[in-house]
Amino acid sequence: MNRCHNHGIRGCIMSECDLVQGEDMVNHPPHYNMYPFEVLEAIHTLLGTEGYKHYLLGNELKYRLRAGFKGKDKVQEDIDKALFYNKERLKLDSEGEE
């Protein structure tokens, strides 16, 4: 079952998630929901936790650096994506401290 990044739990039915109205290009991009598994979980499994942290940091930087270059209507979306990857990375860091 997919994990909802809005709630951070498994079992949220993304199509019924009250936080998702239409297409959510930050938390639930439709092109990431084409498989019976969460793409980010597969990447985490393949890269391991340290590799995954680097992947998250790279994506955060990518979205921060290109914000504003895809059109004014996409600036906030890119910043939100950067913040999403930052939040995921910080969550892993805090889990490692426990």
Protein backbone atom coordinates (compact mmCIF):
# COMPACT_ATOMS: atom_id res chain seq x y z
CA MET A 1 0.00 0.00 0.00
CA ASN A 2 1.28 3.48 -0.82
CA ARG A 3 2.48 5.87 1.86
CA CYS A 4 0.93 9.31 1.88
CA HIS A 5 3.63 11.97 2.17
CA ASN A 6 1.06 14.40 3.54
CA HIS A 7 0.31 12.17 6.50
CA GLY A 8 3.60 10.24 6.58
CA ILE A 9 1.82 6.95 7.13
CA ARG A 10 1.12 3.87 5.13
CA GLY A 11 -2.47 3.19 4.27
CA CYS A 12 -3.62 6.65 3.28
CA ILE A 13 -5.64 6.15 0.14
CA MET A 14 -4.17 8.90 -1.97
CA SER A 15 -7.25 9.32 -4.14
CA GLU A 16 -9.30 9.87 -0.98
CA CYS A 17 -6.74 11.95 0.94
CA ASP A 18 -8.46 15.09 2.17
CA LEU A 19 -5.23 17.05 1.67
CA VAL A 20 -5.03 16.17 -2.02
CA GLN A 21 -7.34 18.12 -4.28
CA GLY A 22 -6.84 17.28 -7.94
CA GLU A 23 -3.23 16.72 -8.88
CA ASP A 24 -0.70 17.45 -6.14
CA MET A 25 2.54 17.89 -8.02
CA VAL A 26 4.58 18.16 -4.81
CA ASN A 27 3.39 15.35 -2.54
CA HIS A 28 1.61 13.02 -4.98
CA PRO A 29 2.75 13.64 -8.55
CA PRO A 30 0.65 11.36 -10.77
CA HIS A 31 3.72 10.09 -12.66
CA TYR A 32 5.06 8.67 -9.35
CA ASN A 33 1.90 6.71 -8.64
CA MET A 34 1.99 4.43 -11.67
CA TYR A 35 3.45 1.48 -9.77
CA PRO A 36 2.13 -0.71 -6.93
CA PHE A 37 4.90 0.70 -4.71
CA GLU A 38 6.07 4.16 -3.67
CA VAL A 39 8.93 5.24 -5.96
CA LEU A 40 10.82 7.02 -3.16
CA GLU A 41 10.68 3.89 -1.01
CA ALA A 42 12.17 1.86 -3.87
CA ILE A 43 14.98 4.41 -4.30
CA HIS A 44 15.63 4.34 -0.54
CA THR A 45 15.82 0.54 -0.58
CA LEU A 46 18.18 0.48 -3.57
CA LEU A 47 20.52 3.23 -2.35
CA GLY A 48 20.45 2.52 1.38
CA THR A 49 19.88 5.26 3.94
CA GLU A 50 23.11 7.22 3.39
CA GLY A 51 22.78 7.09 -0.40
CA TYR A 52 19.14 8.09 -0.13
CA LYS A 53 20.06 11.13 2.00
CA HIS A 54 22.42 12.23 -0.78
CA TYR A 55 19.67 11.67 -3.34
CA LEU A 56 17.29 13.82 -1.27
CA LEU A 57 19.88 16.59 -0.90
CA GLY A 58 20.57 16.53 -4.65
CA ASN A 59 16.89 16.88 -5.45
CA GLU A 60 16.48 19.68 -2.91
CA LEU A 61 19.35 21.58 -4.52
CA LYS A 62 18.03 20.91 -8.02
CA TYR A 63 14.64 22.42 -7.24
CA ARG A 64 16.12 25.38 -5.34
CA LEU A 65 18.57 26.21 -8.12
CA ARG A 66 16.08 26.01 -10.97
CA ALA A 67 13.19 27.76 -9.19
CA GLY A 68 12.12 30.63 -11.40
CA PHE A 69 13.55 29.26 -14.62
CA LYS A 70 10.50 27.17 -15.61
CA GLY A 71 8.11 30.11 -15.54
CA LYS A 72 6.69 32.32 -12.85
CA ASP A 73 3.76 29.96 -12.32
CA LYS A 74 6.16 27.15 -11.29
CA VAL A 75 8.33 29.03 -8.77
CA GLN A 76 6.28 28.11 -5.70
CA GLU A 77 5.92 24.52 -6.87
CA ASP A 78 9.71 24.15 -7.19
CA ILE A 79 10.27 25.72 -3.76
CA ASP A 80 7.65 23.40 -2.27
CA LYS A 81 9.38 20.41 -3.89
CA ALA A 82 12.74 21.55 -2.47
CA LEU A 83 11.15 21.83 0.97
CA PHE A 84 9.61 18.37 0.58
CA TYR A 85 13.04 16.81 -0.07
CA ASN A 86 14.57 18.83 2.77
CA LYS A 87 11.87 17.64 5.19
CA GLU A 88 12.35 14.00 4.13
CA ARG A 89 16.13 14.27 4.63
CA LEU A 90 15.79 15.93 8.03
CA LYS A 91 13.31 13.26 9.08
CA LEU A 92 15.90 10.57 8.30
CA ASP A 93 18.56 12.50 10.20
CA SER A 94 16.33 12.76 13.28
CA GLU A 95 15.44 9.06 13.08
CA GLY A 96 19.14 8.21 13.08
CA GLU A 97 19.64 10.15 16.31
CA GLU A 98 17.09 8.10 18.23
